[in-house]
Amino acid sequence: MKKIILGFFVSLIASSALQAQITIIPKLGSSYATVALSDNIKNDFTPYTDYGYKIGFILGAAVEFPIVGDKLFLQPELLFHQKGWEETTDYFGLYESSYTLNYLELPVLFKYKLGNFYLNAGPSIAFGIGGKYKESYSYQGFSEDYDGKIKFGDEPDFYEGDDYYIDNGLDFGAQFGAGVKAGPIIIDLRFGMGLSNLYDKPDGLSGDWKNQNRSFQLTVAYPILIGN
């Protein structure tokens, strides 16, 4: 499935490149990410936990193709994108945790330019490639720290190691944003909304079940025009 989806994106980029000049846009920046949860997860599974944002890293490149004149463009991207969240639980001691999820992300955006400003939006797909977590516990003067790797997929039966497993590494989503060209650089501000659940719904559980990535993204890029 991953190969089919990736092949579609590559074919889309290649066919567009044959039709018009392109602009290569190397970019880097940061994300401000968290996890969006349905109320029943918060109330029934984690009633004593507060969820927060964490800062991550973004690195990659975009390819811009004109579609209609000098206004409408197609912009596929390949990004290394760190997502995740932080959580604090105050229940018989203080638990503080930070989860960093690493993804290879492929957004395909439509960009509409208004002079030096632009708006963009489009679908994205991300492939989880691991991550790391850190946890700490403190109670009445006692404290202990934990850390380990994050892996995507099913946790092995009877597993007793330090790795933390997240069920689903494939994240379909959508991105919306705007940007400005300031001199030779582009400043892009974007919101990414995951539409795939990180964890599968337990058997027999009724009601809503939503646990999805959310991220605000700020990147700086230097466009390089190729062609006439």
N, C-alpha and C. Protein backbone atom coordinates (compact mmCIF):
# COMPACT_ATOMS: atom_id res chain seq x y z
N MET A 1 0.83 -1.20 0.00
CA MET A 1 0.00 0.00 0.00
C MET A 1 0.87 1.25 0.00
N LYS A 2 1.90 1.25 0.86
CA LYS A 2 2.78 2.42 0.92
C LYS A 2 3.45 2.66 -0.43
N LYS A 3 3.87 1.57 -1.11
CA LYS A 3 4.55 1.70 -2.39
C LYS A 3 3.62 2.27 -3.45
N ILE A 4 2.35 1.86 -3.42
CA ILE A 4 1.37 2.37 -4.38
C ILE A 4 1.15 3.87 -4.19
N ILE A 5 0.98 4.27 -2.93
CA ILE A 5 0.75 5.69 -2.64
C ILE A 5 1.96 6.53 -3.01
N LEU A 6 3.16 6.03 -2.62
CA LEU A 6 4.38 6.76 -2.93
C LEU A 6 4.58 6.86 -4.44
N GLY A 7 4.26 5.78 -5.17
CA GLY A 7 4.37 5.80 -6.62
C GLY A 7 3.46 6.82 -7.26
N PHE A 8 2.26 6.99 -6.69
CA PHE A 8 1.33 7.99 -7.21
C PHE A 8 1.90 9.40 -7.09
N PHE A 9 2.46 9.71 -5.92
CA PHE A 9 3.03 11.04 -5.70
C PHE A 9 4.22 11.27 -6.64
N VAL A 10 5.08 10.26 -6.81
CA VAL A 10 6.24 10.40 -7.69
C VAL A 10 5.79 10.61 -9.13
N SER A 11 4.77 9.87 -9.58
CA SER A 11 4.25 10.03 -10.94
C SER A 11 3.66 11.41 -11.16
N LEU A 12 2.96 11.91 -10.13
CA LEU A 12 2.37 13.24 -10.22
C LEU A 12 3.44 14.31 -10.38
N ILE A 13 4.51 14.19 -9.61
CA ILE A 13 5.60 15.16 -9.69
C ILE A 13 6.30 15.08 -11.03
N ALA A 14 6.57 13.86 -11.48
CA ALA A 14 7.29 13.67 -12.74
C ALA A 14 6.50 14.20 -13.93
N SER A 15 5.19 13.94 -13.97
CA SER A 15 4.39 14.40 -15.10
C SER A 15 4.29 15.92 -15.13
N SER A 16 4.22 16.54 -13.95
CA SER A 16 4.18 18.00 -13.90
C SER A 16 5.51 18.61 -14.34
N ALA A 17 6.61 17.96 -13.97
CA ALA A 17 7.93 18.49 -14.32
C ALA A 17 8.16 18.50 -15.81
N LEU A 18 7.53 17.56 -16.54
CA LEU A 18 7.72 17.49 -17.98
C LEU A 18 6.97 18.61 -18.70
N GLN A 19 6.03 19.24 -18.04
CA GLN A 19 5.17 20.21 -18.69
C GLN A 19 5.59 21.66 -18.48
N ALA A 20 6.41 21.95 -17.48
CA ALA A 20 6.69 23.34 -17.18
C ALA A 20 8.00 23.48 -16.42
N GLN A 21 8.47 24.72 -16.37
CA GLN A 21 9.63 25.01 -15.53
C GLN A 21 9.27 24.80 -14.07
N ILE A 22 10.26 24.54 -13.26
CA ILE A 22 10.00 24.25 -11.87
C ILE A 22 10.86 25.15 -10.97
N THR A 23 10.42 25.26 -9.73
CA THR A 23 11.20 25.93 -8.70
C THR A 23 11.45 24.95 -7.56
N ILE A 24 12.72 24.75 -7.25
CA ILE A 24 13.09 23.91 -6.12
C ILE A 24 13.14 24.79 -4.87
N ILE A 25 12.55 24.31 -3.78
CA ILE A 25 12.43 25.13 -2.58
C ILE A 25 12.96 24.35 -1.37
N PRO A 26 14.26 24.37 -1.11
CA PRO A 26 14.77 23.77 0.14
C PRO A 26 14.23 24.56 1.34
N LYS A 27 13.90 23.85 2.42
CA LYS A 27 13.26 24.52 3.55
C LYS A 27 13.63 23.85 4.86
N LEU A 28 13.62 24.65 5.91
CA LEU A 28 13.81 24.13 7.26
C LEU A 28 13.01 24.99 8.23
N GLY A 29 12.73 24.41 9.38
CA GLY A 29 11.96 25.15 10.35
C GLY A 29 11.59 24.29 11.54
N SER A 30 10.49 24.64 12.18
CA SER A 30 10.09 23.93 13.40
C SER A 30 8.58 23.71 13.40
N SER A 31 8.18 22.73 14.19
CA SER A 31 6.76 22.45 14.38
C SER A 31 6.40 22.62 15.84
N TYR A 32 5.14 22.90 16.07
CA TYR A 32 4.59 23.03 17.42
C TYR A 32 3.42 22.07 17.47
N ALA A 33 3.64 20.88 18.01
CA ALA A 33 2.73 19.77 17.78
C ALA A 33 2.09 19.28 19.06
N THR A 34 0.92 18.63 18.88
CA THR A 34 0.23 17.99 19.98
C THR A 34 -0.63 16.87 19.43
N VAL A 35 -1.44 16.25 20.29
CA VAL A 35 -2.37 15.21 19.88
C VAL A 35 -3.79 15.67 20.21
N ALA A 36 -4.72 15.49 19.26
CA ALA A 36 -6.12 15.84 19.47
C ALA A 36 -6.88 14.58 19.89
N LEU A 37 -7.59 14.66 21.00
CA LEU A 37 -8.28 13.51 21.57
C LEU A 37 -9.78 13.78 21.68
N SER A 38 -10.57 12.75 21.45
CA SER A 38 -12.00 12.86 21.68
C SER A 38 -12.27 12.91 23.19
N ASP A 39 -13.42 13.44 23.56
CA ASP A 39 -13.73 13.67 24.98
C ASP A 39 -13.77 12.37 25.77
N ASN A 40 -14.25 11.28 25.15
CA ASN A 40 -14.35 10.04 25.92
C ASN A 40 -12.98 9.48 26.28
N ILE A 41 -11.96 9.72 25.45
CA ILE A 41 -10.61 9.29 25.80
C ILE A 41 -10.10 10.10 26.99
N LYS A 42 -10.30 11.42 26.93
CA LYS A 42 -9.86 12.27 28.03
C LYS A 42 -10.59 11.92 29.33
N ASN A 43 -11.90 11.75 29.24
CA ASN A 43 -12.70 11.57 30.45
C ASN A 43 -12.62 10.15 31.02
N ASP A 44 -12.57 9.15 30.15
CA ASP A 44 -12.66 7.77 30.61
C ASP A 44 -11.29 7.10 30.78
N PHE A 45 -10.32 7.49 29.94
CA PHE A 45 -9.03 6.81 29.96
C PHE A 45 -7.93 7.62 30.66
N THR A 46 -7.99 8.93 30.52
CA THR A 46 -6.92 9.77 31.10
C THR A 46 -7.52 10.99 31.80
N PRO A 47 -8.36 10.79 32.81
CA PRO A 47 -9.04 11.93 33.44
C PRO A 47 -8.12 12.84 34.23
N TYR A 48 -6.92 12.37 34.62
CA TYR A 48 -6.02 13.19 35.42
C TYR A 48 -4.85 13.73 34.59
N THR A 49 -4.96 13.64 33.27
CA THR A 49 -3.84 14.00 32.40
C THR A 49 -4.14 15.24 31.59
N ASP A 50 -3.18 16.16 31.55
CA ASP A 50 -3.24 17.33 30.68
C ASP A 50 -2.28 17.13 29.52
N TYR A 51 -2.75 17.46 28.32
CA TYR A 51 -1.94 17.28 27.12
C TYR A 51 -1.48 18.64 26.61
N GLY A 52 -0.21 18.71 26.20
CA GLY A 52 0.36 19.96 25.73
C GLY A 52 1.11 19.81 24.42
N TYR A 53 1.70 20.92 24.01
CA TYR A 53 2.44 20.98 22.76
C TYR A 53 3.93 20.75 23.00
N LYS A 54 4.61 20.29 21.97
CA LYS A 54 6.07 20.17 22.01
C LYS A 54 6.65 20.70 20.70
N ILE A 55 7.89 21.14 20.77
CA ILE A 55 8.57 21.70 19.60
C ILE A 55 9.33 20.59 18.88
N GLY A 56 9.22 20.56 17.56
CA GLY A 56 9.92 19.58 16.73
C GLY A 56 10.68 20.27 15.61
N PHE A 57 11.24 19.47 14.72
CA PHE A 57 12.14 19.94 13.66
C PHE A 57 11.56 19.55 12.31
N ILE A 58 11.72 20.43 11.32
CA ILE A 58 11.27 20.17 9.96
C ILE A 58 12.42 20.46 9.01
N LEU A 59 12.67 19.53 8.08
CA LEU A 59 13.71 19.70 7.07
C LEU A 59 13.26 19.00 5.80
N GLY A 60 13.44 19.66 4.65
CA GLY A 60 13.06 19.02 3.40
C GLY A 60 13.10 19.98 2.24
N ALA A 61 12.31 19.66 1.23
CA ALA A 61 12.29 20.48 0.02
C ALA A 61 10.94 20.35 -0.66
N ALA A 62 10.59 21.39 -1.39
CA ALA A 62 9.37 21.42 -2.19
C ALA A 62 9.74 21.65 -3.65
N VAL A 63 8.82 21.28 -4.53
CA VAL A 63 8.97 21.52 -5.96
C VAL A 63 7.71 22.23 -6.44
N GLU A 64 7.86 23.40 -7.01
CA GLU A 64 6.72 24.22 -7.41
C GLU A 64 6.57 24.23 -8.93
N PHE A 65 5.34 23.89 -9.40
CA PHE A 65 5.02 23.89 -10.83
C PHE A 65 3.87 24.85 -11.10
N PRO A 66 3.95 25.69 -12.11
CA PRO A 66 2.78 26.51 -12.47
C PRO A 66 1.69 25.66 -13.10
N ILE A 67 0.45 25.95 -12.74
CA ILE A 67 -0.70 25.26 -13.32
C ILE A 67 -1.49 26.19 -14.22
N VAL A 68 -1.83 27.37 -13.67
CA VAL A 68 -2.59 28.37 -14.42
C VAL A 68 -1.86 29.70 -14.31
N GLY A 69 -1.19 30.11 -15.41
CA GLY A 69 -0.52 31.40 -15.44
C GLY A 69 0.49 31.55 -14.31
N ASP A 70 0.50 32.73 -13.71
CA ASP A 70 1.42 33.01 -12.61
C ASP A 70 0.67 33.14 -11.28
N LYS A 71 -0.52 32.51 -11.20
CA LYS A 71 -1.34 32.58 -10.00
C LYS A 71 -1.45 31.25 -9.27
N LEU A 72 -1.76 30.19 -9.99
CA LEU A 72 -2.04 28.90 -9.38
C LEU A 72 -0.90 27.93 -9.64
N PHE A 73 -0.40 27.29 -8.56
CA PHE A 73 0.74 26.40 -8.65
C PHE A 73 0.45 25.10 -7.90
N LEU A 74 1.15 24.06 -8.30
CA LEU A 74 1.15 22.80 -7.57
C LEU A 74 2.48 22.65 -6.87
N GLN A 75 2.45 22.27 -5.58
CA GLN A 75 3.69 22.19 -4.80
C GLN A 75 3.75 20.88 -4.00
N PRO A 76 4.32 19.81 -4.58
CA PRO A 76 4.61 18.61 -3.80
C PRO A 76 5.84 18.85 -2.92
N GLU A 77 5.88 18.17 -1.78
CA GLU A 77 7.00 18.34 -0.84
C GLU A 77 7.43 16.98 -0.29
N LEU A 78 8.67 16.90 0.12
CA LEU A 78 9.18 15.75 0.87
C LEU A 78 9.86 16.31 2.12
N LEU A 79 9.33 15.95 3.29
CA LEU A 79 9.78 16.56 4.54
C LEU A 79 10.11 15.49 5.58
N PHE A 80 11.13 15.76 6.39
CA PHE A 80 11.31 15.10 7.67
C PHE A 80 10.62 15.98 8.70
N HIS A 81 9.60 15.44 9.35
CA HIS A 81 8.73 16.25 10.19
C HIS A 81 8.57 15.58 11.55
N GLN A 82 8.99 16.26 12.60
CA GLN A 82 8.82 15.76 13.96
C GLN A 82 7.50 16.26 14.54
N LYS A 83 6.69 15.31 14.98
CA LYS A 83 5.43 15.62 15.64
C LYS A 83 5.50 15.06 17.07
N GLY A 84 4.35 14.98 17.73
CA GLY A 84 4.33 14.43 19.08
C GLY A 84 3.51 15.27 20.03
N TRP A 85 3.75 15.07 21.32
CA TRP A 85 3.00 15.81 22.34
C TRP A 85 3.70 15.66 23.69
N GLU A 86 3.24 16.46 24.64
CA GLU A 86 3.67 16.33 26.04
C GLU A 86 2.44 16.11 26.90
N GLU A 87 2.64 15.41 28.00
CA GLU A 87 1.52 15.19 28.91
C GLU A 87 1.99 15.20 30.36
N THR A 88 1.09 15.65 31.22
CA THR A 88 1.36 15.72 32.66
C THR A 88 0.20 15.09 33.41
N THR A 89 0.52 14.16 34.27
CA THR A 89 -0.50 13.47 35.08
C THR A 89 -0.18 13.68 36.56
N ASP A 90 -1.13 14.24 37.28
CA ASP A 90 -0.96 14.49 38.72
C ASP A 90 -1.91 13.57 39.47
N TYR A 91 -1.42 12.38 39.81
CA TYR A 91 -2.24 11.37 40.47
C TYR A 91 -1.33 10.43 41.24
N PHE A 92 -1.34 10.52 42.56
CA PHE A 92 -0.40 9.77 43.39
C PHE A 92 1.04 9.98 42.91
N GLY A 93 1.39 11.22 42.73
CA GLY A 93 2.70 11.58 42.20
C GLY A 93 2.54 12.32 40.88
N LEU A 94 3.62 12.93 40.46
CA LEU A 94 3.61 13.72 39.24
C LEU A 94 4.35 12.96 38.14
N TYR A 95 3.64 12.68 37.05
CA TYR A 95 4.21 12.04 35.88
C TYR A 95 4.30 13.07 34.75
N GLU A 96 5.47 13.23 34.19
CA GLU A 96 5.67 14.15 33.06
C GLU A 96 6.30 13.37 31.91
N SER A 97 5.71 13.49 30.72
CA SER A 97 6.15 12.70 29.58
C SER A 97 6.24 13.57 28.34
N SER A 98 7.18 13.21 27.45
CA SER A 98 7.35 13.88 26.17
C SER A 98 7.54 12.81 25.10
N TYR A 99 6.76 12.90 24.01
CA TYR A 99 6.80 11.92 22.94
C TYR A 99 7.16 12.63 21.63
N THR A 100 8.23 12.19 20.99
CA THR A 100 8.66 12.75 19.72
C THR A 100 8.49 11.69 18.64
N LEU A 101 7.64 11.99 17.64
CA LEU A 101 7.36 11.06 16.55
C LEU A 101 7.99 11.59 15.26
N ASN A 102 8.82 10.79 14.64
CA ASN A 102 9.50 11.18 13.40
C ASN A 102 8.74 10.63 12.19
N TYR A 103 8.49 11.51 11.22
CA TYR A 103 7.77 11.11 10.02
C TYR A 103 8.51 11.57 8.76
N LEU A 104 8.39 10.78 7.70
CA LEU A 104 8.64 11.26 6.34
C LEU A 104 7.29 11.64 5.77
N GLU A 105 7.14 12.91 5.43
CA GLU A 105 5.83 13.44 5.06
C GLU A 105 5.84 13.92 3.61
N LEU A 106 4.73 13.64 2.92
CA LEU A 106 4.58 14.02 1.51
C LEU A 106 3.30 14.84 1.33
N PRO A 107 3.35 16.15 1.54
CA PRO A 107 2.21 17.00 1.22
C PRO A 107 2.18 17.30 -0.30
N VAL A 108 0.99 17.45 -0.84
CA VAL A 108 0.81 17.93 -2.21
C VAL A 108 -0.17 19.10 -2.13
N LEU A 109 0.36 20.32 -2.28
CA LEU A 109 -0.42 21.52 -2.01
C LEU A 109 -0.74 22.28 -3.29
N PHE A 110 -1.89 22.90 -3.32
CA PHE A 110 -2.22 23.89 -4.33
C PHE A 110 -1.92 25.26 -3.74
N LYS A 111 -1.17 26.05 -4.49
CA LYS A 111 -0.73 27.37 -4.00
C LYS A 111 -1.31 28.45 -4.90
N TYR A 112 -1.95 29.44 -4.28
CA TYR A 112 -2.48 30.58 -5.02
C TYR A 112 -1.73 31.83 -4.61
N LYS A 113 -1.08 32.48 -5.58
CA LYS A 113 -0.23 33.63 -5.28
C LYS A 113 -0.97 34.94 -5.46
N LEU A 114 -0.69 35.86 -4.55
CA LEU A 114 -1.23 37.22 -4.58
C LEU A 114 -0.05 38.17 -4.39
N GLY A 115 0.68 38.43 -5.49
CA GLY A 115 1.90 39.22 -5.38
C GLY A 115 2.95 38.43 -4.63
N ASN A 116 3.49 39.00 -3.55
CA ASN A 116 4.47 38.31 -2.73
C ASN A 116 3.85 37.41 -1.68
N PHE A 117 2.52 37.44 -1.57
CA PHE A 117 1.83 36.60 -0.61
C PHE A 117 1.21 35.39 -1.33
N TYR A 118 0.91 34.34 -0.57
CA TYR A 118 0.23 33.20 -1.16
C TYR A 118 -0.56 32.45 -0.09
N LEU A 119 -1.53 31.69 -0.56
CA LEU A 119 -2.30 30.76 0.25
C LEU A 119 -2.05 29.36 -0.29
N ASN A 120 -2.03 28.35 0.58
CA ASN A 120 -1.86 26.99 0.10
C ASN A 120 -2.68 26.02 0.93
N ALA A 121 -3.02 24.90 0.30
CA ALA A 121 -3.80 23.86 0.98
C ALA A 121 -3.71 22.59 0.15
N GLY A 122 -3.84 21.45 0.84
CA GLY A 122 -3.83 20.20 0.12
C GLY A 122 -3.69 19.02 1.04
N PRO A 123 -3.76 17.80 0.48
CA PRO A 123 -3.63 16.58 1.29
C PRO A 123 -2.18 16.25 1.58
N SER A 124 -1.98 15.38 2.54
CA SER A 124 -0.63 14.92 2.86
C SER A 124 -0.70 13.48 3.34
N ILE A 125 0.42 12.80 3.22
CA ILE A 125 0.55 11.47 3.78
C ILE A 125 1.91 11.39 4.45
N ALA A 126 1.95 10.77 5.63
CA ALA A 126 3.20 10.69 6.39
C ALA A 126 3.44 9.25 6.81
N PHE A 127 4.70 8.85 6.79
CA PHE A 127 5.11 7.50 7.16
C PHE A 127 5.95 7.58 8.43
N GLY A 128 5.49 6.96 9.51
CA GLY A 128 6.23 6.97 10.76
C GLY A 128 7.51 6.17 10.67
N ILE A 129 8.62 6.76 11.11
CA ILE A 129 9.93 6.09 11.03
C ILE A 129 10.58 5.98 12.42
N GLY A 130 9.77 6.05 13.46
CA GLY A 130 10.30 5.91 14.81
C GLY A 130 10.23 7.19 15.60
N GLY A 131 10.92 7.19 16.72
CA GLY A 131 10.93 8.36 17.58
C GLY A 131 11.52 8.01 18.93
N LYS A 132 11.23 8.86 19.91
CA LYS A 132 11.74 8.63 21.25
C LYS A 132 10.78 9.24 22.27
N TYR A 133 10.89 8.75 23.49
CA TYR A 133 10.07 9.29 24.57
C TYR A 133 10.93 9.49 25.81
N LYS A 134 10.48 10.42 26.64
CA LYS A 134 11.10 10.64 27.94
C LYS A 134 9.99 10.76 28.98
N GLU A 135 10.21 10.15 30.13
CA GLU A 135 9.23 10.20 31.21
C GLU A 135 9.94 10.45 32.53
N SER A 136 9.25 11.11 33.43
CA SER A 136 9.77 11.30 34.78
C SER A 136 8.64 11.15 35.77
N TYR A 137 8.98 10.64 36.96
CA TYR A 137 8.00 10.46 38.03
C TYR A 137 8.59 11.00 39.33
N SER A 138 7.81 11.76 40.07
CA SER A 138 8.27 12.29 41.35
C SER A 138 7.12 12.24 42.37
N TYR A 139 7.50 11.90 43.60
CA TYR A 139 6.49 11.82 44.67
C TYR A 139 7.20 11.90 46.01
N GLN A 140 6.88 12.94 46.77
CA GLN A 140 7.38 13.13 48.13
C GLN A 140 8.91 12.95 48.21
N GLY A 141 9.60 13.66 47.34
CA GLY A 141 11.06 13.65 47.37
C GLY A 141 11.71 12.56 46.55
N PHE A 142 10.95 11.55 46.14
CA PHE A 142 11.48 10.48 45.29
C PHE A 142 11.26 10.85 43.83
N SER A 143 12.25 10.59 42.98
CA SER A 143 12.10 10.86 41.55
C SER A 143 12.83 9.79 40.74
N GLU A 144 12.31 9.57 39.54
CA GLU A 144 12.92 8.58 38.65
C GLU A 144 12.63 8.98 37.21
N ASP A 145 13.62 8.77 36.32
CA ASP A 145 13.50 9.13 34.91
C ASP A 145 13.56 7.88 34.05
N TYR A 146 12.82 7.94 32.93
CA TYR A 146 12.81 6.85 31.97
C TYR A 146 12.95 7.44 30.57
N ASP A 147 13.48 6.67 29.64
CA ASP A 147 13.50 7.07 28.24
C ASP A 147 13.65 5.83 27.38
N GLY A 148 13.33 5.97 26.10
CA GLY A 148 13.42 4.84 25.19
C GLY A 148 12.98 5.23 23.79
N LYS A 149 12.90 4.24 22.94
CA LYS A 149 12.53 4.45 21.54
C LYS A 149 11.02 4.28 21.35
N ILE A 150 10.51 4.98 20.34
CA ILE A 150 9.13 4.79 19.90
C ILE A 150 9.16 4.01 18.59
N LYS A 151 8.33 2.98 18.51
CA LYS A 151 8.21 2.19 17.29
C LYS A 151 6.75 2.15 16.85
N PHE A 152 6.54 2.07 15.54
CA PHE A 152 5.19 2.00 15.00
C PHE A 152 4.86 0.56 14.65
N GLY A 153 3.65 0.13 15.02
CA GLY A 153 3.22 -1.23 14.77
C GLY A 153 2.71 -1.89 16.03
N ASP A 154 2.38 -3.16 15.91
CA ASP A 154 1.84 -3.90 17.05
C ASP A 154 2.94 -4.27 18.03
N GLU A 155 2.66 -4.08 19.30
CA GLU A 155 3.60 -4.49 20.32
C GLU A 155 3.64 -6.02 20.39
N PRO A 156 4.82 -6.61 20.42
CA PRO A 156 4.90 -8.08 20.51
C PRO A 156 4.21 -8.60 21.77
N ASP A 157 3.66 -9.79 21.66
CA ASP A 157 3.02 -10.42 22.81
C ASP A 157 4.03 -10.61 23.95
N PHE A 158 3.58 -10.32 25.15
CA PHE A 158 4.37 -10.51 26.37
C PHE A 158 5.65 -9.66 26.36
N TYR A 159 5.60 -8.53 25.68
CA TYR A 159 6.79 -7.67 25.58
C TYR A 159 7.06 -6.99 26.92
N GLU A 160 8.32 -6.97 27.36
CA GLU A 160 8.68 -6.35 28.63
C GLU A 160 9.86 -5.38 28.48
N GLY A 161 10.14 -4.94 27.25
CA GLY A 161 11.25 -4.03 27.02
C GLY A 161 10.88 -2.58 27.24
N ASP A 162 11.80 -1.69 26.88
CA ASP A 162 11.61 -0.25 27.10
C ASP A 162 11.01 0.48 25.91
N ASP A 163 10.88 -0.18 24.76
CA ASP A 163 10.31 0.49 23.59
C ASP A 163 8.83 0.76 23.81
N TYR A 164 8.38 1.90 23.24
CA TYR A 164 6.97 2.30 23.34
C TYR A 164 6.36 2.15 21.94
N TYR A 165 5.24 1.43 21.84
CA TYR A 165 4.65 1.12 20.54
C TYR A 165 3.40 1.97 20.29
N ILE A 166 3.33 2.50 19.06
CA ILE A 166 2.15 3.21 18.58
C ILE A 166 1.58 2.41 17.42
N ASP A 167 0.28 2.14 17.43
CA ASP A 167 -0.31 1.19 16.49
C ASP A 167 -0.07 1.54 15.03
N ASN A 168 -0.33 2.80 14.68
CA ASN A 168 -0.39 3.16 13.26
C ASN A 168 0.69 4.17 12.88
N GLY A 169 1.52 3.80 11.90
CA GLY A 169 2.56 4.69 11.42
C GLY A 169 2.17 5.46 10.18
N LEU A 170 1.04 5.11 9.56
CA LEU A 170 0.59 5.80 8.36
C LEU A 170 -0.39 6.88 8.75
N ASP A 171 -0.10 8.12 8.37
CA ASP A 171 -0.90 9.26 8.80
C ASP A 171 -1.37 10.06 7.59
N PHE A 172 -2.63 9.85 7.19
CA PHE A 172 -3.24 10.70 6.18
C PHE A 172 -3.67 12.01 6.84
N GLY A 173 -3.57 13.12 6.09
CA GLY A 173 -3.94 14.38 6.69
C GLY A 173 -4.18 15.47 5.66
N ALA A 174 -4.29 16.68 6.15
CA ALA A 174 -4.47 17.85 5.31
C ALA A 174 -3.68 19.00 5.90
N GLN A 175 -3.23 19.90 5.02
CA GLN A 175 -2.46 21.06 5.47
C GLN A 175 -3.05 22.33 4.86
N PHE A 176 -3.03 23.39 5.66
CA PHE A 176 -3.56 24.69 5.25
C PHE A 176 -2.59 25.77 5.72
N GLY A 177 -2.32 26.76 4.88
CA GLY A 177 -1.40 27.78 5.33
C GLY A 177 -1.32 28.98 4.42
N ALA A 178 -0.32 29.80 4.70
CA ALA A 178 -0.06 31.01 3.94
C ALA A 178 1.41 31.35 4.10
N GLY A 179 1.88 32.22 3.23
CA GLY A 179 3.28 32.61 3.30
C GLY A 179 3.54 33.90 2.58
N VAL A 180 4.79 34.32 2.67
CA VAL A 180 5.20 35.56 2.03
C VAL A 180 6.63 35.41 1.54
N LYS A 181 6.90 36.00 0.39
CA LYS A 181 8.26 36.07 -0.13
C LYS A 181 8.86 37.40 0.30
N ALA A 182 9.88 37.33 1.14
CA ALA A 182 10.53 38.52 1.68
C ALA A 182 11.96 38.55 1.16
N GLY A 183 12.18 39.33 0.11
CA GLY A 183 13.50 39.33 -0.52
C GLY A 183 13.76 37.99 -1.17
N PRO A 184 14.90 37.35 -0.88
CA PRO A 184 15.20 36.07 -1.52
C PRO A 184 14.62 34.86 -0.80
N ILE A 185 13.96 35.05 0.34
CA ILE A 185 13.48 33.90 1.11
C ILE A 185 11.96 33.86 1.18
N ILE A 186 11.45 32.67 1.51
CA ILE A 186 10.02 32.46 1.70
C ILE A 186 9.77 32.06 3.15
N ILE A 187 8.82 32.72 3.78
CA ILE A 187 8.41 32.38 5.14
C ILE A 187 7.02 31.77 5.06
N ASP A 188 6.88 30.54 5.57
CA ASP A 188 5.64 29.78 5.43
C ASP A 188 5.11 29.40 6.80
N LEU A 189 3.83 29.69 7.04
CA LEU A 189 3.15 29.31 8.28
C LEU A 189 1.99 28.40 7.91
N ARG A 190 1.91 27.25 8.59
CA ARG A 190 0.97 26.23 8.14
C ARG A 190 0.40 25.47 9.34
N PHE A 191 -0.82 24.96 9.15
CA PHE A 191 -1.44 24.07 10.13
C PHE A 191 -1.62 22.71 9.50
N GLY A 192 -1.15 21.66 10.19
CA GLY A 192 -1.30 20.30 9.72
C GLY A 192 -2.28 19.53 10.59
N MET A 193 -3.25 18.89 9.95
CA MET A 193 -4.29 18.18 10.68
C MET A 193 -4.26 16.71 10.27
N GLY A 194 -3.84 15.83 11.18
CA GLY A 194 -3.88 14.41 10.91
C GLY A 194 -5.31 13.89 10.93
N LEU A 195 -5.61 12.96 10.03
CA LEU A 195 -6.94 12.38 9.95
C LEU A 195 -6.94 10.90 10.30
N SER A 196 -5.79 10.35 10.61
CA SER A 196 -5.66 8.94 10.99
C SER A 196 -5.39 8.83 12.48
N ASN A 197 -5.99 7.85 13.12
CA ASN A 197 -5.77 7.63 14.54
C ASN A 197 -4.40 6.99 14.78
N LEU A 198 -3.73 7.44 15.83
CA LEU A 198 -2.46 6.84 16.22
C LEU A 198 -2.67 5.46 16.84
N TYR A 199 -3.75 5.32 17.62
CA TYR A 199 -4.03 4.07 18.32
C TYR A 199 -5.37 3.51 17.84
N ASP A 200 -5.41 2.18 17.67
CA ASP A 200 -6.64 1.53 17.25
C ASP A 200 -7.67 1.54 18.37
N LYS A 201 -8.92 1.54 17.98
CA LYS A 201 -10.01 1.52 18.96
C LYS A 201 -10.10 0.14 19.60
N PRO A 202 -10.14 0.06 20.93
CA PRO A 202 -10.24 -1.25 21.60
C PRO A 202 -11.52 -1.98 21.21
N ASP A 203 -11.45 -3.29 21.13
CA ASP A 203 -12.62 -4.10 20.80
C ASP A 203 -13.70 -3.91 21.86
N GLY A 204 -14.93 -3.77 21.37
CA GLY A 204 -16.06 -3.65 22.27
C GLY A 204 -16.33 -2.26 22.80
N LEU A 205 -15.46 -1.30 22.45
CA LEU A 205 -15.65 0.06 22.96
C LEU A 205 -16.59 0.83 22.04
N SER A 206 -17.59 1.47 22.61
CA SER A 206 -18.53 2.28 21.83
C SER A 206 -18.19 3.75 21.99
N GLY A 207 -18.77 4.58 21.15
CA GLY A 207 -18.54 6.02 21.22
C GLY A 207 -17.41 6.48 20.32
N ASP A 208 -17.13 7.75 20.41
CA ASP A 208 -16.08 8.35 19.57
C ASP A 208 -14.71 7.78 19.93
N TRP A 209 -13.82 7.84 18.96
CA TRP A 209 -12.45 7.40 19.19
C TRP A 209 -11.54 8.21 18.27
N LYS A 210 -10.97 9.29 18.80
CA LYS A 210 -10.10 10.15 18.00
C LYS A 210 -8.82 10.42 18.76
N ASN A 211 -7.69 10.09 18.15
CA ASN A 211 -6.38 10.44 18.68
C ASN A 211 -5.46 10.70 17.50
N GLN A 212 -5.32 11.97 17.14
CA GLN A 212 -4.71 12.35 15.87
C GLN A 212 -3.67 13.45 16.05
N ASN A 213 -2.71 13.47 15.14
CA ASN A 213 -1.67 14.49 15.17
C ASN A 213 -2.23 15.86 14.78
N ARG A 214 -1.69 16.88 15.43
CA ARG A 214 -1.93 18.27 15.06
C ARG A 214 -0.59 19.00 15.14
N SER A 215 -0.34 19.92 14.20
CA SER A 215 0.92 20.66 14.27
C SER A 215 0.81 22.00 13.55
N PHE A 216 1.38 23.01 14.18
CA PHE A 216 1.63 24.29 13.53
C PHE A 216 3.07 24.27 13.04
N GLN A 217 3.29 24.77 11.82
CA GLN A 217 4.61 24.65 11.20
C GLN A 217 5.08 26.03 10.71
N LEU A 218 6.30 26.36 11.07
CA LEU A 218 6.91 27.59 10.59
C LEU A 218 8.23 27.22 9.92
N THR A 219 8.34 27.52 8.62
CA THR A 219 9.55 27.18 7.87
C THR A 219 10.06 28.39 7.10
N VAL A 220 11.36 28.36 6.83
CA VAL A 220 12.02 29.37 5.99
C VAL A 220 12.64 28.64 4.81
N ALA A 221 12.47 29.18 3.61
CA ALA A 221 12.94 28.50 2.39
C ALA A 221 13.65 29.47 1.46
N TYR A 222 14.48 28.88 0.60
CA TYR A 222 15.22 29.67 -0.39
C TYR A 222 14.90 29.08 -1.77
N PRO A 223 14.02 29.72 -2.55
CA PRO A 223 13.61 29.13 -3.84
C PRO A 223 14.72 29.22 -4.89
N ILE A 224 14.81 28.16 -5.71
CA ILE A 224 15.80 28.09 -6.80
C ILE A 224 15.04 27.77 -8.08
N LEU A 225 15.00 28.73 -9.01
CA LEU A 225 14.27 28.56 -10.27
C LEU A 225 15.10 27.72 -11.24
N ILE A 226 14.45 26.70 -11.83
CA ILE A 226 15.09 25.85 -12.81
C ILE A 226 14.30 25.95 -14.11
N GLY A 227 14.95 26.19 -15.21
CA GLY A 227 14.29 26.33 -16.49
C GLY A 227 14.26 27.79 -16.91
N ASN A 228 13.46 28.04 -17.95
CA ASN A 228 13.38 29.40 -18.50
C ASN A 228 12.52 30.29 -17.63
